[in-house]
Amino acid sequence: MKVTIVGAGNVGATCADAIATQRIASEVVLLDIKEGFAEGKALDMMQTATTLGFNTKIVGTTNDYSKTANSDVVVITSGIPRKPGMTREELIGINAGIVQTVSENILANSPNAIIVVVSNPMDTMTYLTLKKTGLPKNRIIGMGGALDSSRFKTYLSLALDKPANDIHGMVIGGHGDTTMIPLTRLASYNGIPVSTLLEDDALKQVAADTMVGGATLTKLLGTSAWYAPGASVAYLVDSILNDQKRIIPCSVYLEGEYNQEDICIGVPCVIGRSGWESIVDINLNDEEQATFDRSAAAVRTMNAALDGILS
């Protein structure tokens, strides 16, 4: 199995490393526009193979899409962060151009690939990719919910002082600090509802910390996080390539599910070899549905910046 990662920055390189060291794919191609950057990172990673015990081939390339040919999954991490003085519309316009160009080049060499979108604003870039490529909706997946859910479970683990892998929980809605929805009602510790283990104020604090999880790390690090995002992408790719059928919250195209139409937003999905295979209905209560509707409205506001690009 072959995976291409477009963008050899911190997130892309961490994703490549996780896929290789966990032996998820037999070949990983790391592509970047900066001369020699992807090649250097790929070579550095390859030199860990004998000490870490993996045989995945890692190839770096500077904008040569021919080396990505016949990829089973392509991960798009490329794009720029919002700079001081830049409007939301300017950011979306620039990143939309990047994602559109990348998608076209990828599909020219890997027409059957499943595309995983990481570039921000993620829900909007996922929607753009779907509309511009014309691919079947199940082959376009936005990654954000996997990362947000990982952060949610981490904060629950810290609040409970219990192992993170014994905790189950998910975050749905938009991939943004005002649009994501940590589903505290459904979170559990080995089958025990966390609402019976934590006071209401503590549970609300976990949700609040989850929602600003990315911003918290940016403040601490001075840049966006990369370990958890890279690992979350690898987790998603593993479920695709190895047909794991995991339920992972992802940004996918809705056609009536969760009372929404013509939008890409985070919902729980079964992820397997064909991409996202089905959407799981978790029966939101009235309050949760209302919050989800508000989240969708915010994503649509962001999508409005695509009007000139999609028309």
C-alpha atoms as a PDB file:
ATOM      1  CA  MET A   1       0.000   0.000   0.000  1.00  0.00           C
ATOM      2  CA  LYS A   2       1.215   3.471  -0.904  1.00  0.00           C
ATOM      3  CA  VAL A   3       0.525   6.756   0.859  1.00  0.00           C
ATOM      4  CA  THR A   4       1.450  10.237  -0.348  1.00  0.00           C
ATOM      5  CA  ILE A   5       1.673  13.170   2.039  1.00  0.00           C
ATOM      6  CA  VAL A   6       1.668  16.602   0.435  1.00  0.00           C
ATOM      7  CA  GLY A   7       3.457  19.084   2.669  1.00  0.00           C
ATOM      8  CA  ALA A   8       6.626  18.103   4.531  1.00  0.00           C
ATOM      9  CA  GLY A   9       6.173  20.536   7.413  1.00  0.00           C
ATOM     10  CA  ASN A  10       5.820  19.445  11.018  1.00  0.00           C
ATOM     11  CA  VAL A  11       2.416  17.789  10.598  1.00  0.00           C
ATOM     12  CA  GLY A  12       3.199  16.109   7.280  1.00  0.00           C
ATOM     13  CA  ALA A  13       6.575  14.797   8.419  1.00  0.00           C
ATOM     14  CA  THR A  14       5.178  13.533  11.739  1.00  0.00           C
ATOM     15  CA  CYS A  15       2.399  11.779   9.842  1.00  0.00           C
ATOM     16  CA  ALA A  16       4.929  10.138   7.496  1.00  0.00           C
ATOM     17  CA  ASP A  17       7.023   9.026  10.449  1.00  0.00           C
ATOM     18  CA  ALA A  18       4.024   7.529  12.268  1.00  0.00           C
ATOM     19  CA  ILE A  19       2.834   5.650   9.167  1.00  0.00           C
ATOM     20  CA  ALA A  20       6.323   4.232   8.590  1.00  0.00           C
ATOM     21  CA  THR A  21       7.176   3.297  12.164  1.00  0.00           C
ATOM     22  CA  GLN A  22       3.756   1.694  12.709  1.00  0.00           C
ATOM     23  CA  ARG A  23       4.175  -0.256   9.422  1.00  0.00           C
ATOM     24  CA  ILE A  24       0.832   0.992   8.125  1.00  0.00           C
ATOM     25  CA  ALA A  25       1.988   1.284   4.489  1.00  0.00           C
ATOM     26  CA  SER A  26       4.773  -0.260   2.413  1.00  0.00           C
ATOM     27  CA  GLU A  27       5.680   3.073   0.794  1.00  0.00           C
ATOM     28  CA  VAL A  28       5.310   6.692   1.877  1.00  0.00           C
ATOM     29  CA  VAL A  29       5.971   9.596  -0.482  1.00  0.00           C
ATOM     30  CA  LEU A  30       6.597  12.991   1.094  1.00  0.00           C
ATOM     31  CA  LEU A  31       6.194  15.911  -1.315  1.00  0.00           C
ATOM     32  CA  ASP A  32       6.934  19.596  -0.771  1.00  0.00           C
ATOM     33  CA  ILE A  33       7.544  22.684  -2.911  1.00  0.00           C
ATOM     34  CA  LYS A  34      10.679  23.686  -0.981  1.00  0.00           C
ATOM     35  CA  GLU A  35      13.765  22.363  -2.747  1.00  0.00           C
ATOM     36  CA  GLY A  36      15.328  19.401  -0.938  1.00  0.00           C
ATOM     37  CA  PHE A  37      13.109  19.732   2.143  1.00  0.00           C
ATOM     38  CA  ALA A  38      11.049  16.565   1.694  1.00  0.00           C
ATOM     39  CA  GLU A  39      14.092  14.631   0.473  1.00  0.00           C
ATOM     40  CA  GLY A  40      16.015  15.550   3.607  1.00  0.00           C
ATOM     41  CA  LYS A  41      13.220  14.580   5.971  1.00  0.00           C
ATOM     42  CA  ALA A  42      12.581  11.320   4.125  1.00  0.00           C
ATOM     43  CA  LEU A  43      16.258  10.364   4.260  1.00  0.00           C
ATOM     44  CA  ASP A  44      16.466  11.222   7.951  1.00  0.00           C
ATOM     45  CA  MET A  45      13.425   9.025   8.660  1.00  0.00           C
ATOM     46  CA  MET A  46      14.789   6.153   6.554  1.00  0.00           C
ATOM     47  CA  GLN A  47      17.922   6.175   8.679  1.00  0.00           C
ATOM     48  CA  THR A  48      15.808   5.188  11.693  1.00  0.00           C
ATOM     49  CA  ALA A  49      14.524   2.002  10.010  1.00  0.00           C
ATOM     50  CA  THR A  50      17.190  -0.328  11.381  1.00  0.00           C
ATOM     51  CA  THR A  51      16.904   0.977  14.935  1.00  0.00           C
ATOM     52  CA  LEU A  52      13.090   1.103  14.972  1.00  0.00           C
ATOM     53  CA  GLY A  53      12.594  -2.095  12.981  1.00  0.00           C
ATOM     54  CA  PHE A  54      10.431  -1.046  10.027  1.00  0.00           C
ATOM     55  CA  ASN A  55      10.832  -1.651   6.296  1.00  0.00           C
ATOM     56  CA  THR A  56       8.549   1.016   4.899  1.00  0.00           C
ATOM     57  CA  LYS A  57      10.150   2.843   1.987  1.00  0.00           C
ATOM     58  CA  ILE A  58      10.075   6.626   2.462  1.00  0.00           C
ATOM     59  CA  VAL A  59      10.629   8.803  -0.600  1.00  0.00           C
ATOM     60  CA  GLY A  60      10.993  12.569  -0.624  1.00  0.00           C
ATOM     61  CA  THR A  61      10.413  14.735  -3.676  1.00  0.00           C
ATOM     62  CA  THR A  62      10.316  18.395  -4.615  1.00  0.00           C
ATOM     63  CA  ASN A  63       7.018  18.900  -6.456  1.00  0.00           C
ATOM     64  CA  ASP A  64       7.450  15.826  -8.683  1.00  0.00           C
ATOM     65  CA  TYR A  65       3.976  14.339  -8.669  1.00  0.00           C
ATOM     66  CA  SER A  66       5.016  11.449 -10.907  1.00  0.00           C
ATOM     67  CA  LYS A  67       6.564   9.864  -7.804  1.00  0.00           C
ATOM     68  CA  THR A  68       3.129   9.845  -6.158  1.00  0.00           C
ATOM     69  CA  ALA A  69       1.634   7.671  -8.903  1.00  0.00           C
ATOM     70  CA  ASN A  70      -0.772   4.932  -7.853  1.00  0.00           C
ATOM     71  CA  SER A  71      -1.117   6.110  -4.273  1.00  0.00           C
ATOM     72  CA  ASP A  72      -3.931   4.447  -2.340  1.00  0.00           C
ATOM     73  CA  VAL A  73      -4.336   7.385   0.053  1.00  0.00           C
ATOM     74  CA  VAL A  74      -3.196  10.988  -0.325  1.00  0.00           C
ATOM     75  CA  VAL A  75      -2.976  13.327   2.659  1.00  0.00           C
ATOM     76  CA  ILE A  76      -3.060  17.068   1.960  1.00  0.00           C
ATOM     77  CA  THR A  77      -1.425  19.108   4.715  1.00  0.00           C
ATOM     78  CA  SER A  78      -0.221  22.012   2.567  1.00  0.00           C
ATOM     79  CA  GLY A  79      -1.385  25.571   3.080  1.00  0.00           C
ATOM     80  CA  ILE A  80      -0.398  28.720   4.934  1.00  0.00           C
ATOM     81  CA  PRO A  81      -1.401  29.912   8.418  1.00  0.00           C
ATOM     82  CA  ARG A  82      -3.334  33.122   8.830  1.00  0.00           C
ATOM     83  CA  LYS A  83      -0.916  36.042   9.069  1.00  0.00           C
ATOM     84  CA  PRO A  84      -1.407  39.352  10.918  1.00  0.00           C
ATOM     85  CA  GLY A  85      -3.680  41.644   8.926  1.00  0.00           C
ATOM     86  CA  MET A  86      -4.911  38.856   6.650  1.00  0.00           C
ATOM     87  CA  THR A  87      -8.667  38.539   6.302  1.00  0.00           C
ATOM     88  CA  ARG A  88     -10.433  35.196   6.535  1.00  0.00           C
ATOM     89  CA  GLU A  89     -11.388  35.516   2.875  1.00  0.00           C
ATOM     90  CA  GLU A  90      -7.764  36.099   1.855  1.00  0.00           C
ATOM     91  CA  LEU A  91      -6.605  33.057   3.811  1.00  0.00           C
ATOM     92  CA  ILE A  92      -9.308  30.851   2.323  1.00  0.00           C
ATOM     93  CA  GLY A  93      -8.554  32.149  -1.177  1.00  0.00           C
ATOM     94  CA  ILE A  94      -4.851  31.323  -0.904  1.00  0.00           C
ATOM     95  CA  ASN A  95      -5.309  27.910   0.694  1.00  0.00           C
ATOM     96  CA  ALA A  96      -8.142  27.041  -1.687  1.00  0.00           C
ATOM     97  CA  GLY A  97      -5.807  27.692  -4.614  1.00  0.00           C
ATOM     98  CA  ILE A  98      -3.131  25.475  -3.052  1.00  0.00           C
ATOM     99  CA  VAL A  99      -5.527  22.619  -2.250  1.00  0.00           C
ATOM    100  CA  GLN A 100      -7.142  22.779  -5.685  1.00  0.00           C
ATOM    101  CA  THR A 101      -3.778  22.613  -7.486  1.00  0.00           C
ATOM    102  CA  VAL A 102      -2.597  19.754  -5.277  1.00  0.00           C
ATOM    103  CA  SER A 103      -5.824  17.795  -5.849  1.00  0.00           C
ATOM    104  CA  GLU A 104      -5.561  18.148  -9.617  1.00  0.00           C
ATOM    105  CA  ASN A 105      -1.942  16.974  -9.657  1.00  0.00           C
ATOM    106  CA  ILE A 106      -2.679  14.078  -7.334  1.00  0.00           C
ATOM    107  CA  LEU A 107      -5.617  12.757  -9.336  1.00  0.00           C
ATOM    108  CA  ALA A 108      -3.674  13.011 -12.588  1.00  0.00           C
ATOM    109  CA  ASN A 109      -1.297  10.409 -11.124  1.00  0.00           C
ATOM    110  CA  SER A 110      -3.547   8.521  -8.686  1.00  0.00           C
ATOM    111  CA  PRO A 111      -7.118   8.641 -10.025  1.00  0.00           C
ATOM    112  CA  ASN A 112      -8.362   6.060  -7.517  1.00  0.00           C
ATOM    113  CA  ALA A 113      -6.867   7.634  -4.404  1.00  0.00           C
ATOM    114  CA  ILE A 114      -8.787   8.435  -1.244  1.00  0.00           C
ATOM    115  CA  ILE A 115      -8.015  12.011  -0.209  1.00  0.00           C
ATOM    116  CA  VAL A 116      -7.576  13.031   3.428  1.00  0.00           C
ATOM    117  CA  VAL A 117      -7.714  16.787   3.960  1.00  0.00           C
ATOM    118  CA  VAL A 118      -5.786  18.361   6.847  1.00  0.00           C
ATOM    119  CA  SER A 119      -5.303  21.895   5.484  1.00  0.00           C
ATOM    120  CA  ASN A 120      -7.198  24.643   7.295  1.00  0.00           C
ATOM    121  CA  PRO A 121      -9.898  25.786   7.479  1.00  0.00           C
ATOM    122  CA  MET A 122     -10.406  22.041   7.292  1.00  0.00           C
ATOM    123  CA  ASP A 123     -14.176  21.713   6.820  1.00  0.00           C
ATOM    124  CA  THR A 124     -14.142  24.355   4.091  1.00  0.00           C
ATOM    125  CA  MET A 125     -11.114  22.840   2.344  1.00  0.00           C
ATOM    126  CA  THR A 126     -12.784  19.408   2.455  1.00  0.00           C
ATOM    127  CA  TYR A 127     -15.913  20.861   0.852  1.00  0.00           C
ATOM    128  CA  LEU A 128     -13.800  22.604  -1.810  1.00  0.00           C
ATOM    129  CA  THR A 129     -11.904  19.391  -2.596  1.00  0.00           C
ATOM    130  CA  LEU A 130     -15.136  17.452  -3.022  1.00  0.00           C
ATOM    131  CA  LYS A 131     -16.730  20.064  -5.268  1.00  0.00           C
ATOM    132  CA  LYS A 132     -13.654  20.685  -7.418  1.00  0.00           C
ATOM    133  CA  THR A 133     -12.581  17.070  -7.931  1.00  0.00           C
ATOM    134  CA  GLY A 134     -16.039  15.630  -8.519  1.00  0.00           C
ATOM    135  CA  LEU A 135     -14.958  12.443  -6.747  1.00  0.00           C
ATOM    136  CA  PRO A 136     -17.480  10.181  -5.012  1.00  0.00           C
ATOM    137  CA  LYS A 137     -18.177  11.685  -1.599  1.00  0.00           C
ATOM    138  CA  ASN A 138     -16.843   8.653   0.286  1.00  0.00           C
ATOM    139  CA  ARG A 139     -13.325   9.312  -1.063  1.00  0.00           C
ATOM    140  CA  ILE A 140     -12.967  12.795   0.470  1.00  0.00           C
ATOM    141  CA  ILE A 141     -12.369  12.886   4.237  1.00  0.00           C
ATOM    142  CA  GLY A 142     -11.525  15.806   6.507  1.00  0.00           C
ATOM    143  CA  MET A 143      -9.358  14.672   9.414  1.00  0.00           C
ATOM    144  CA  GLY A 144     -10.235  17.172  12.189  1.00  0.00           C
ATOM    145  CA  GLY A 145     -12.613  15.109  14.304  1.00  0.00           C
ATOM    146  CA  ALA A 146     -10.006  12.422  14.932  1.00  0.00           C
ATOM    147  CA  LEU A 147      -7.640  15.025  16.385  1.00  0.00           C
ATOM    148  CA  ASP A 148     -10.309  16.838  18.386  1.00  0.00           C
ATOM    149  CA  SER A 149     -11.535  13.533  19.843  1.00  0.00           C
ATOM    150  CA  SER A 150      -7.994  12.577  20.809  1.00  0.00           C
ATOM    151  CA  ARG A 151      -7.631  15.852  22.683  1.00  0.00           C
ATOM    152  CA  PHE A 152     -11.020  15.337  24.348  1.00  0.00           C
ATOM    153  CA  LYS A 153     -10.018  11.889  25.617  1.00  0.00           C
ATOM    154  CA  THR A 154      -6.703  13.259  26.843  1.00  0.00           C
ATOM    155  CA  TYR A 155      -8.393  15.970  28.908  1.00  0.00           C
ATOM    156  CA  LEU A 156     -10.871  13.417  30.276  1.00  0.00           C
ATOM    157  CA  SER A 157      -7.949  11.167  31.201  1.00  0.00           C
ATOM    158  CA  LEU A 158      -6.259  14.007  33.066  1.00  0.00           C
ATOM    159  CA  ALA A 159      -9.453  14.990  34.887  1.00  0.00           C
ATOM    160  CA  LEU A 160     -10.208  11.400  35.896  1.00  0.00           C
ATOM    161  CA  ASP A 161      -6.583  10.370  36.475  1.00  0.00           C
ATOM    162  CA  LYS A 162      -7.290   7.227  34.451  1.00  0.00           C
ATOM    163  CA  PRO A 163      -5.532   5.686  31.408  1.00  0.00           C
ATOM    164  CA  ALA A 164      -6.431   7.499  28.199  1.00  0.00           C
ATOM    165  CA  ASN A 165      -6.918   4.245  26.292  1.00  0.00           C
ATOM    166  CA  ASP A 166      -9.666   3.197  28.716  1.00  0.00           C
ATOM    167  CA  ILE A 167     -11.665   6.305  27.846  1.00  0.00           C
ATOM    168  CA  HIS A 168     -14.103   6.634  24.960  1.00  0.00           C
ATOM    169  CA  GLY A 169     -15.448   9.886  23.637  1.00  0.00           C
ATOM    170  CA  MET A 170     -15.877  11.862  20.472  1.00  0.00           C
ATOM    171  CA  VAL A 171     -16.059  15.395  19.174  1.00  0.00           C
ATOM    172  CA  ILE A 172     -18.361  16.310  16.297  1.00  0.00           C
ATOM    173  CA  GLY A 173     -19.189  19.535  14.465  1.00  0.00           C
ATOM    174  CA  GLY A 174     -16.811  22.009  12.871  1.00  0.00           C
ATOM    175  CA  HIS A 175     -13.057  21.813  13.353  1.00  0.00           C
ATOM    176  CA  GLY A 176     -12.725  25.138  15.129  1.00  0.00           C
ATOM    177  CA  ASP A 177     -12.486  26.389  18.687  1.00  0.00           C
ATOM    178  CA  THR A 178     -16.038  27.769  18.602  1.00  0.00           C
ATOM    179  CA  THR A 179     -17.647  25.117  16.404  1.00  0.00           C
ATOM    180  CA  MET A 180     -16.520  21.741  17.768  1.00  0.00           C
ATOM    181  CA  ILE A 181     -18.852  19.819  20.073  1.00  0.00           C
ATOM    182  CA  PRO A 182     -17.313  17.481  22.688  1.00  0.00           C
ATOM    183  CA  LEU A 183     -20.075  14.973  23.438  1.00  0.00           C
ATOM    184  CA  THR A 184     -19.696  14.804  27.218  1.00  0.00           C
ATOM    185  CA  ARG A 185     -23.034  12.998  27.623  1.00  0.00           C
ATOM    186  CA  LEU A 186     -21.753   9.968  25.705  1.00  0.00           C
ATOM    187  CA  ALA A 187     -18.165   9.848  26.996  1.00  0.00           C
ATOM    188  CA  SER A 188     -17.286   6.825  29.137  1.00  0.00           C
ATOM    189  CA  TYR A 189     -14.532   5.203  31.170  1.00  0.00           C
ATOM    190  CA  ASN A 190     -14.615   1.458  30.450  1.00  0.00           C
ATOM    191  CA  GLY A 191     -18.363   1.658  29.925  1.00  0.00           C
ATOM    192  CA  ILE A 192     -19.048   3.910  32.916  1.00  0.00           C
ATOM    193  CA  PRO A 193     -20.479   7.310  31.903  1.00  0.00           C
ATOM    194  CA  VAL A 194     -17.946   9.984  32.850  1.00  0.00           C
ATOM    195  CA  SER A 195     -20.872  12.157  33.931  1.00  0.00           C
ATOM    196  CA  THR A 196     -21.175   9.862  36.954  1.00  0.00           C
ATOM    197  CA  LEU A 197     -17.479  10.233  37.787  1.00  0.00           C
ATOM    198  CA  LEU A 198     -16.919  13.959  37.318  1.00  0.00           C
ATOM    199  CA  GLU A 199     -18.795  16.926  38.725  1.00  0.00           C
ATOM    200  CA  ASP A 200     -20.691  18.980  36.164  1.00  0.00           C
ATOM    201  CA  ASP A 201     -18.259  21.908  36.458  1.00  0.00           C
ATOM    202  CA  ALA A 202     -15.288  19.608  35.875  1.00  0.00           C
ATOM    203  CA  LEU A 203     -16.949  18.096  32.816  1.00  0.00           C
ATOM    204  CA  LYS A 204     -17.699  21.543  31.422  1.00  0.00           C
ATOM    205  CA  GLN A 205     -14.052  22.498  31.950  1.00  0.00           C
ATOM    206  CA  VAL A 206     -12.918  19.408  30.011  1.00  0.00           C
ATOM    207  CA  ALA A 207     -15.166  20.441  27.122  1.00  0.00           C
ATOM    208  CA  ALA A 208     -13.883  24.018  27.235  1.00  0.00           C
ATOM    209  CA  ASP A 209     -10.242  22.872  27.329  1.00  0.00           C
ATOM    210  CA  THR A 210     -10.877  20.564  24.382  1.00  0.00           C
ATOM    211  CA  MET A 211     -12.346  23.357  22.284  1.00  0.00           C
ATOM    212  CA  VAL A 212      -9.276  25.561  22.723  1.00  0.00           C
ATOM    213  CA  GLY A 213      -6.867  22.629  22.625  1.00  0.00           C
ATOM    214  CA  GLY A 214      -5.161  23.787  19.435  1.00  0.00           C
ATOM    215  CA  ALA A 215      -4.939  27.412  20.562  1.00  0.00           C
ATOM    216  CA  THR A 216      -3.477  26.312  23.913  1.00  0.00           C
ATOM    217  CA  LEU A 217      -0.651  24.493  22.155  1.00  0.00           C
ATOM    218  CA  THR A 218      -0.016  27.368  19.765  1.00  0.00           C
ATOM    219  CA  LYS A 219       0.355  29.689  22.748  1.00  0.00           C
ATOM    220  CA  LEU A 220       2.764  27.298  24.476  1.00  0.00           C
ATOM    221  CA  LEU A 221       4.804  26.347  21.400  1.00  0.00           C
ATOM    222  CA  GLY A 222       4.655  29.560  19.399  1.00  0.00           C
ATOM    223  CA  THR A 223       3.397  27.537  16.421  1.00  0.00           C
ATOM    224  CA  SER A 224       0.727  24.961  15.620  1.00  0.00           C
ATOM    225  CA  ALA A 225       0.961  21.492  17.145  1.00  0.00           C
ATOM    226  CA  TRP A 226       2.206  18.540  15.111  1.00  0.00           C
ATOM    227  CA  TYR A 227       2.572  15.336  17.156  1.00  0.00           C
ATOM    228  CA  ALA A 228      -1.139  14.759  17.812  1.00  0.00           C
ATOM    229  CA  PRO A 229      -2.251  15.968  14.350  1.00  0.00           C
ATOM    230  CA  GLY A 230       0.293  13.707  12.639  1.00  0.00           C
ATOM    231  CA  ALA A 231      -0.667  10.723  14.778  1.00  0.00           C
ATOM    232  CA  SER A 232      -4.376  11.361  14.158  1.00  0.00           C
ATOM    233  CA  VAL A 233      -3.820  11.300  10.396  1.00  0.00           C
ATOM    234  CA  ALA A 234      -1.892   8.030  10.697  1.00  0.00           C
ATOM    235  CA  TYR A 235      -4.732   6.548  12.779  1.00  0.00           C
ATOM    236  CA  LEU A 236      -7.226   7.483  10.064  1.00  0.00           C
ATOM    237  CA  VAL A 237      -5.003   6.191   7.245  1.00  0.00           C
ATOM    238  CA  ASP A 238      -4.551   2.890   9.104  1.00  0.00           C
ATOM    239  CA  SER A 239      -8.321   2.414   9.280  1.00  0.00           C
ATOM    240  CA  ILE A 240      -8.566   3.043   5.525  1.00  0.00           C
ATOM    241  CA  LEU A 241      -5.680   0.909   4.275  1.00  0.00           C
ATOM    242  CA  ASN A 242      -6.275  -1.997   6.623  1.00  0.00           C
ATOM    243  CA  ASP A 243     -10.077  -1.844   6.376  1.00  0.00           C
ATOM    244  CA  GLN A 244     -10.380  -1.472  10.145  1.00  0.00           C
ATOM    245  CA  LYS A 245     -14.012  -0.234  10.128  1.00  0.00           C
ATOM    246  CA  ARG A 246     -13.239   2.080  13.028  1.00  0.00           C
ATOM    247  CA  ILE A 247     -15.819   4.685  13.984  1.00  0.00           C
ATOM    248  CA  ILE A 248     -13.934   7.980  13.682  1.00  0.00           C
ATOM    249  CA  PRO A 249     -15.466  11.466  13.664  1.00  0.00           C
ATOM    250  CA  CYS A 250     -14.544  12.989  10.296  1.00  0.00           C
ATOM    251  CA  SER A 251     -15.622  15.900   8.148  1.00  0.00           C
ATOM    252  CA  VAL A 252     -17.671  14.380   5.342  1.00  0.00           C
ATOM    253  CA  TYR A 253     -20.377  15.484   2.924  1.00  0.00           C
ATOM    254  CA  LEU A 254     -23.882  15.392   4.362  1.00  0.00           C
ATOM    255  CA  GLU A 255     -27.064  14.932   2.370  1.00  0.00           C
ATOM    256  CA  GLY A 256     -29.705  15.069   5.061  1.00  0.00           C
ATOM    257  CA  GLU A 257     -27.812  13.317   7.852  1.00  0.00           C
ATOM    258  CA  TYR A 258     -27.974  15.211  11.149  1.00  0.00           C
ATOM    259  CA  ASN A 259     -30.509  17.518   9.461  1.00  0.00           C
ATOM    260  CA  GLN A 260     -27.850  19.092   7.234  1.00  0.00           C
ATOM    261  CA  GLU A 261     -27.423  19.299   3.458  1.00  0.00           C
ATOM    262  CA  ASP A 262     -24.579  20.305   1.136  1.00  0.00           C
ATOM    263  CA  ILE A 263     -21.913  20.728   3.806  1.00  0.00           C
ATOM    264  CA  CYS A 264     -18.773  18.951   5.031  1.00  0.00           C
ATOM    265  CA  ILE A 265     -18.717  18.805   8.825  1.00  0.00           C
ATOM    266  CA  GLY A 266     -17.595  16.378  11.516  1.00  0.00           C
ATOM    267  CA  VAL A 267     -19.824  13.374  12.230  1.00  0.00           C
ATOM    268  CA  PRO A 268     -19.028   9.803  13.339  1.00  0.00           C
ATOM    269  CA  CYS A 269     -18.186   7.619  10.335  1.00  0.00           C
ATOM    270  CA  VAL A 270     -17.222   4.015   9.716  1.00  0.00           C
ATOM    271  CA  ILE A 271     -13.826   4.218   8.007  1.00  0.00           C
ATOM    272  CA  GLY A 272     -12.659   1.358   5.787  1.00  0.00           C
ATOM    273  CA  ARG A 273     -10.953   0.493   2.518  1.00  0.00           C
ATOM    274  CA  SER A 274     -13.373   2.481   0.355  1.00  0.00           C
ATOM    275  CA  GLY A 275     -13.021   5.615   2.499  1.00  0.00           C
ATOM    276  CA  TRP A 276     -15.900   6.594   4.723  1.00  0.00           C
ATOM    277  CA  GLU A 277     -18.407   3.794   4.374  1.00  0.00           C
ATOM    278  CA  SER A 278     -21.332   5.025   6.450  1.00  0.00           C
ATOM    279  CA  ILE A 279     -22.381   7.768   8.837  1.00  0.00           C
ATOM    280  CA  VAL A 280     -23.378   6.660  12.323  1.00  0.00           C
ATOM    281  CA  ASP A 281     -26.494   8.260  13.794  1.00  0.00           C
ATOM    282  CA  ILE A 282     -25.888   8.733  17.515  1.00  0.00           C
ATOM    283  CA  ASN A 283     -29.303  10.262  18.268  1.00  0.00           C
ATOM    284  CA  LEU A 284     -28.368  13.703  19.515  1.00  0.00           C
ATOM    285  CA  ASN A 285     -30.658  15.208  22.119  1.00  0.00           C
ATOM    286  CA  ASP A 286     -32.363  18.530  21.418  1.00  0.00           C
ATOM    287  CA  GLU A 287     -29.606  20.622  22.991  1.00  0.00           C
ATOM    288  CA  GLU A 288     -26.858  18.779  21.123  1.00  0.00           C
ATOM    289  CA  GLN A 289     -28.723  19.045  17.815  1.00  0.00           C
ATOM    290  CA  ALA A 290     -29.221  22.776  18.310  1.00  0.00           C
ATOM    291  CA  THR A 291     -25.497  23.169  19.016  1.00  0.00           C
ATOM    292  CA  PHE A 292     -24.703  21.112  15.922  1.00  0.00           C
ATOM    293  CA  ASP A 293     -26.992  23.317  13.815  1.00  0.00           C
ATOM    294  CA  ARG A 294     -25.181  26.432  15.074  1.00  0.00           C
ATOM    295  CA  SER A 295     -21.841  24.811  14.263  1.00  0.00           C
ATOM    296  CA  ALA A 296     -23.033  24.030  10.736  1.00  0.00           C
ATOM    297  CA  ALA A 297     -24.191  27.627  10.296  1.00  0.00           C
ATOM    298  CA  ALA A 298     -20.716  28.848  11.246  1.00  0.00           C
ATOM    299  CA  VAL A 299     -19.105  26.462   8.755  1.00  0.00           C
ATOM    300  CA  ARG A 300     -21.465  27.704   6.027  1.00  0.00           C
ATOM    301  CA  THR A 301     -20.399  31.269   6.798  1.00  0.00           C
ATOM    302  CA  MET A 302     -16.805  30.183   6.231  1.00  0.00           C
ATOM    303  CA  ASN A 303     -17.779  28.352   3.045  1.00  0.00           C
ATOM    304  CA  ALA A 304     -19.316  31.551   1.674  1.00  0.00           C
ATOM    305  CA  ALA A 305     -15.768  32.727   0.944  1.00  0.00           C
ATOM    306  CA  LEU A 306     -15.625  29.982  -1.719  1.00  0.00           C
ATOM    307  CA  ASP A 307     -18.476  31.458  -3.764  1.00  0.00           C
ATOM    308  CA  GLY A 308     -16.204  33.077  -6.332  1.00  0.00           C
ATOM    309  CA  ILE A 309     -13.981  29.998  -6.516  1.00  0.00           C
ATOM    310  CA  LEU A 310     -16.744  27.427  -6.974  1.00  0.00           C
ATOM    311  CA  SER A 311     -18.925  29.459  -9.337  1.00  0.00           C
END
